[in-house]
Amino acid sequence: MELQVYQALIAAGAPEDAAKNAAESINRAIDSRYQVHSKQLATQGDVEKVRVEIEKIRAEIERVRAEVANTKGELIKWVMGLLVGQTALIIGVILKTLH
């Protein structure tokens, strides 16, 4: 493209050094924009890596949810056991006190 711009400027009557400088300047600007965009845009590979990481995170969340649900069940069992024991103890103390 640089050569085509240079030739067009020469055909339009621009001096050779000005045409060369203008064509090189356009080329540098295009390169600069490409570098900026290549850093900001994601490739399909980048998107796929993110998808894989998201799936790993989802699996971890599900594992933690299952663990929390299991822990909740265990806590309910322990609390109920303690309540039954505490109730039996209180009843025992009351009966002992009454006799």
C-alpha atoms as a PDB file:
ATOM      1  CA  MET A   1       0.000   0.000   0.000  1.00  0.00           C
ATOM      2  CA  GLU A   2       2.889   2.339   0.732  1.00  0.00           C
ATOM      3  CA  LEU A   3       4.088   2.100  -2.863  1.00  0.00           C
ATOM      4  CA  GLN A   4       0.589   2.806  -4.204  1.00  0.00           C
ATOM      5  CA  VAL A   5       0.254   5.914  -2.036  1.00  0.00           C
ATOM      6  CA  TYR A   6       3.706   7.070  -3.110  1.00  0.00           C
ATOM      7  CA  GLN A   7       2.880   6.554  -6.786  1.00  0.00           C
ATOM      8  CA  ALA A   8      -0.461   8.346  -6.434  1.00  0.00           C
ATOM      9  CA  LEU A   9       1.197  11.342  -4.790  1.00  0.00           C
ATOM     10  CA  ILE A  10       3.874  11.464  -7.501  1.00  0.00           C
ATOM     11  CA  ALA A  11       1.168  11.234 -10.185  1.00  0.00           C
ATOM     12  CA  ALA A  12      -0.643  14.108  -8.480  1.00  0.00           C
ATOM     13  CA  GLY A  13       2.506  16.230  -8.762  1.00  0.00           C
ATOM     14  CA  ALA A  14       3.945  15.981  -5.255  1.00  0.00           C
ATOM     15  CA  PRO A  15       7.740  16.156  -4.930  1.00  0.00           C
ATOM     16  CA  GLU A  16       9.413  12.741  -4.460  1.00  0.00           C
ATOM     17  CA  ASP A  17      10.646  13.380  -0.916  1.00  0.00           C
ATOM     18  CA  ALA A  18       7.239  14.682   0.207  1.00  0.00           C
ATOM     19  CA  ALA A  19       5.475  11.710  -1.415  1.00  0.00           C
ATOM     20  CA  LYS A  20       7.904   9.277   0.228  1.00  0.00           C
ATOM     21  CA  ASN A  21       7.527  10.933   3.652  1.00  0.00           C
ATOM     22  CA  ALA A  22       3.724  10.981   3.378  1.00  0.00           C
ATOM     23  CA  ALA A  23       3.559   7.305   2.339  1.00  0.00           C
ATOM     24  CA  GLU A  24       5.883   6.280   5.177  1.00  0.00           C
ATOM     25  CA  SER A  25       3.878   8.370   7.642  1.00  0.00           C
ATOM     26  CA  ILE A  26       0.654   6.646   6.597  1.00  0.00           C
ATOM     27  CA  ASN A  27       2.352   3.258   6.912  1.00  0.00           C
ATOM     28  CA  ARG A  28       3.612   4.108  10.439  1.00  0.00           C
ATOM     29  CA  ALA A  29       0.126   5.270  11.469  1.00  0.00           C
ATOM     30  CA  ILE A  30      -1.406   2.026  10.221  1.00  0.00           C
ATOM     31  CA  ASP A  31       1.243  -0.018  12.051  1.00  0.00           C
ATOM     32  CA  SER A  32       0.646   1.975  15.227  1.00  0.00           C
ATOM     33  CA  ARG A  33      -3.119   1.419  15.074  1.00  0.00           C
ATOM     34  CA  TYR A  34      -2.624  -2.265  14.361  1.00  0.00           C
ATOM     35  CA  GLN A  35      -0.416  -2.611  17.428  1.00  0.00           C
ATOM     36  CA  VAL A  36      -3.013  -0.890  19.622  1.00  0.00           C
ATOM     37  CA  HIS A  37      -5.841  -3.032  18.272  1.00  0.00           C
ATOM     38  CA  SER A  38      -3.854  -6.262  18.498  1.00  0.00           C
ATOM     39  CA  LYS A  39      -3.355  -5.594  22.218  1.00  0.00           C
ATOM     40  CA  GLN A  40      -7.017  -4.750  22.814  1.00  0.00           C
ATOM     41  CA  LEU A  41      -8.793  -7.349  20.695  1.00  0.00           C
ATOM     42  CA  ALA A  42      -9.201 -10.969  21.730  1.00  0.00           C
ATOM     43  CA  THR A  43      -8.453 -13.835  19.393  1.00  0.00           C
ATOM     44  CA  GLN A  44     -10.568 -16.977  19.233  1.00  0.00           C
ATOM     45  CA  GLY A  45      -7.843 -18.669  21.252  1.00  0.00           C
ATOM     46  CA  ASP A  46      -8.123 -15.982  23.940  1.00  0.00           C
ATOM     47  CA  VAL A  47     -11.890 -16.440  24.074  1.00  0.00           C
ATOM     48  CA  GLU A  48     -11.516 -20.217  24.313  1.00  0.00           C
ATOM     49  CA  LYS A  49      -9.038 -19.863  27.205  1.00  0.00           C
ATOM     50  CA  VAL A  50     -11.554 -17.677  29.039  1.00  0.00           C
ATOM     51  CA  ARG A  51     -14.319 -20.227  28.401  1.00  0.00           C
ATOM     52  CA  VAL A  52     -12.155 -23.013  29.829  1.00  0.00           C
ATOM     53  CA  GLU A  53     -11.392 -20.925  32.919  1.00  0.00           C
ATOM     54  CA  ILE A  54     -15.079 -20.102  33.364  1.00  0.00           C
ATOM     55  CA  GLU A  55     -15.939 -23.800  33.240  1.00  0.00           C
ATOM     56  CA  LYS A  56     -13.272 -24.520  35.869  1.00  0.00           C
ATOM     57  CA  ILE A  57     -14.721 -21.799  38.088  1.00  0.00           C
ATOM     58  CA  ARG A  58     -18.264 -23.117  37.595  1.00  0.00           C
ATOM     59  CA  ALA A  59     -17.131 -26.617  38.550  1.00  0.00           C
ATOM     60  CA  GLU A  60     -15.435 -25.229  41.667  1.00  0.00           C
ATOM     61  CA  ILE A  61     -18.574 -23.299  42.605  1.00  0.00           C
ATOM     62  CA  GLU A  62     -20.672 -26.452  42.261  1.00  0.00           C
ATOM     63  CA  ARG A  63     -18.187 -28.376  44.414  1.00  0.00           C
ATOM     64  CA  VAL A  64     -18.350 -25.692  47.099  1.00  0.00           C
ATOM     65  CA  ARG A  65     -22.166 -25.647  46.949  1.00  0.00           C
ATOM     66  CA  ALA A  66     -22.270 -29.408  47.451  1.00  0.00           C
ATOM     67  CA  GLU A  67     -19.846 -29.114  50.348  1.00  0.00           C
ATOM     68  CA  VAL A  68     -21.927 -26.355  51.959  1.00  0.00           C
ATOM     69  CA  ALA A  69     -25.090 -28.445  51.558  1.00  0.00           C
ATOM     70  CA  ASN A  70     -23.331 -31.433  53.150  1.00  0.00           C
ATOM     71  CA  THR A  71     -22.040 -29.269  55.999  1.00  0.00           C
ATOM     72  CA  LYS A  72     -25.523 -27.868  56.539  1.00  0.00           C
ATOM     73  CA  GLY A  73     -26.905 -31.391  56.883  1.00  0.00           C
ATOM     74  CA  GLU A  74     -24.157 -32.330  59.327  1.00  0.00           C
ATOM     75  CA  LEU A  75     -24.816 -29.216  61.415  1.00  0.00           C
ATOM     76  CA  ILE A  76     -28.526 -29.979  61.581  1.00  0.00           C
ATOM     77  CA  LYS A  77     -27.757 -33.521  62.790  1.00  0.00           C
ATOM     78  CA  TRP A  78     -25.377 -32.258  65.487  1.00  0.00           C
ATOM     79  CA  VAL A  79     -27.726 -29.513  66.669  1.00  0.00           C
ATOM     80  CA  MET A  80     -30.649 -31.937  66.890  1.00  0.00           C
ATOM     81  CA  GLY A  81     -28.487 -34.408  68.804  1.00  0.00           C
ATOM     82  CA  LEU A  82     -27.391 -31.696  71.212  1.00  0.00           C
ATOM     83  CA  LEU A  83     -30.984 -30.543  71.690  1.00  0.00           C
ATOM     84  CA  VAL A  84     -32.125 -34.077  72.502  1.00  0.00           C
ATOM     85  CA  GLY A  85     -29.199 -34.505  74.914  1.00  0.00           C
ATOM     86  CA  GLN A  86     -29.785 -31.128  76.519  1.00  0.00           C
ATOM     87  CA  THR A  87     -33.493 -31.849  76.893  1.00  0.00           C
ATOM     88  CA  ALA A  88     -32.761 -35.232  78.481  1.00  0.00           C
ATOM     89  CA  LEU A  89     -30.287 -33.581  80.853  1.00  0.00           C
ATOM     90  CA  ILE A  90     -32.764 -30.881  81.869  1.00  0.00           C
ATOM     91  CA  ILE A  91     -35.499 -33.472  82.417  1.00  0.00           C
ATOM     92  CA  GLY A  92     -33.067 -35.556  84.477  1.00  0.00           C
ATOM     93  CA  VAL A  93     -32.091 -32.568  86.630  1.00  0.00           C
ATOM     94  CA  ILE A  94     -35.747 -31.612  87.156  1.00  0.00           C
ATOM     95  CA  LEU A  95     -36.678 -35.193  88.125  1.00  0.00           C
ATOM     96  CA  LYS A  96     -33.704 -35.460  90.480  1.00  0.00           C
ATOM     97  CA  THR A  97     -34.646 -32.137  92.075  1.00  0.00           C
ATOM     98  CA  LEU A  98     -38.277 -33.190  92.538  1.00  0.00           C
ATOM     99  CA  HIS A  99     -37.385 -36.440  94.325  1.00  0.00           C
END
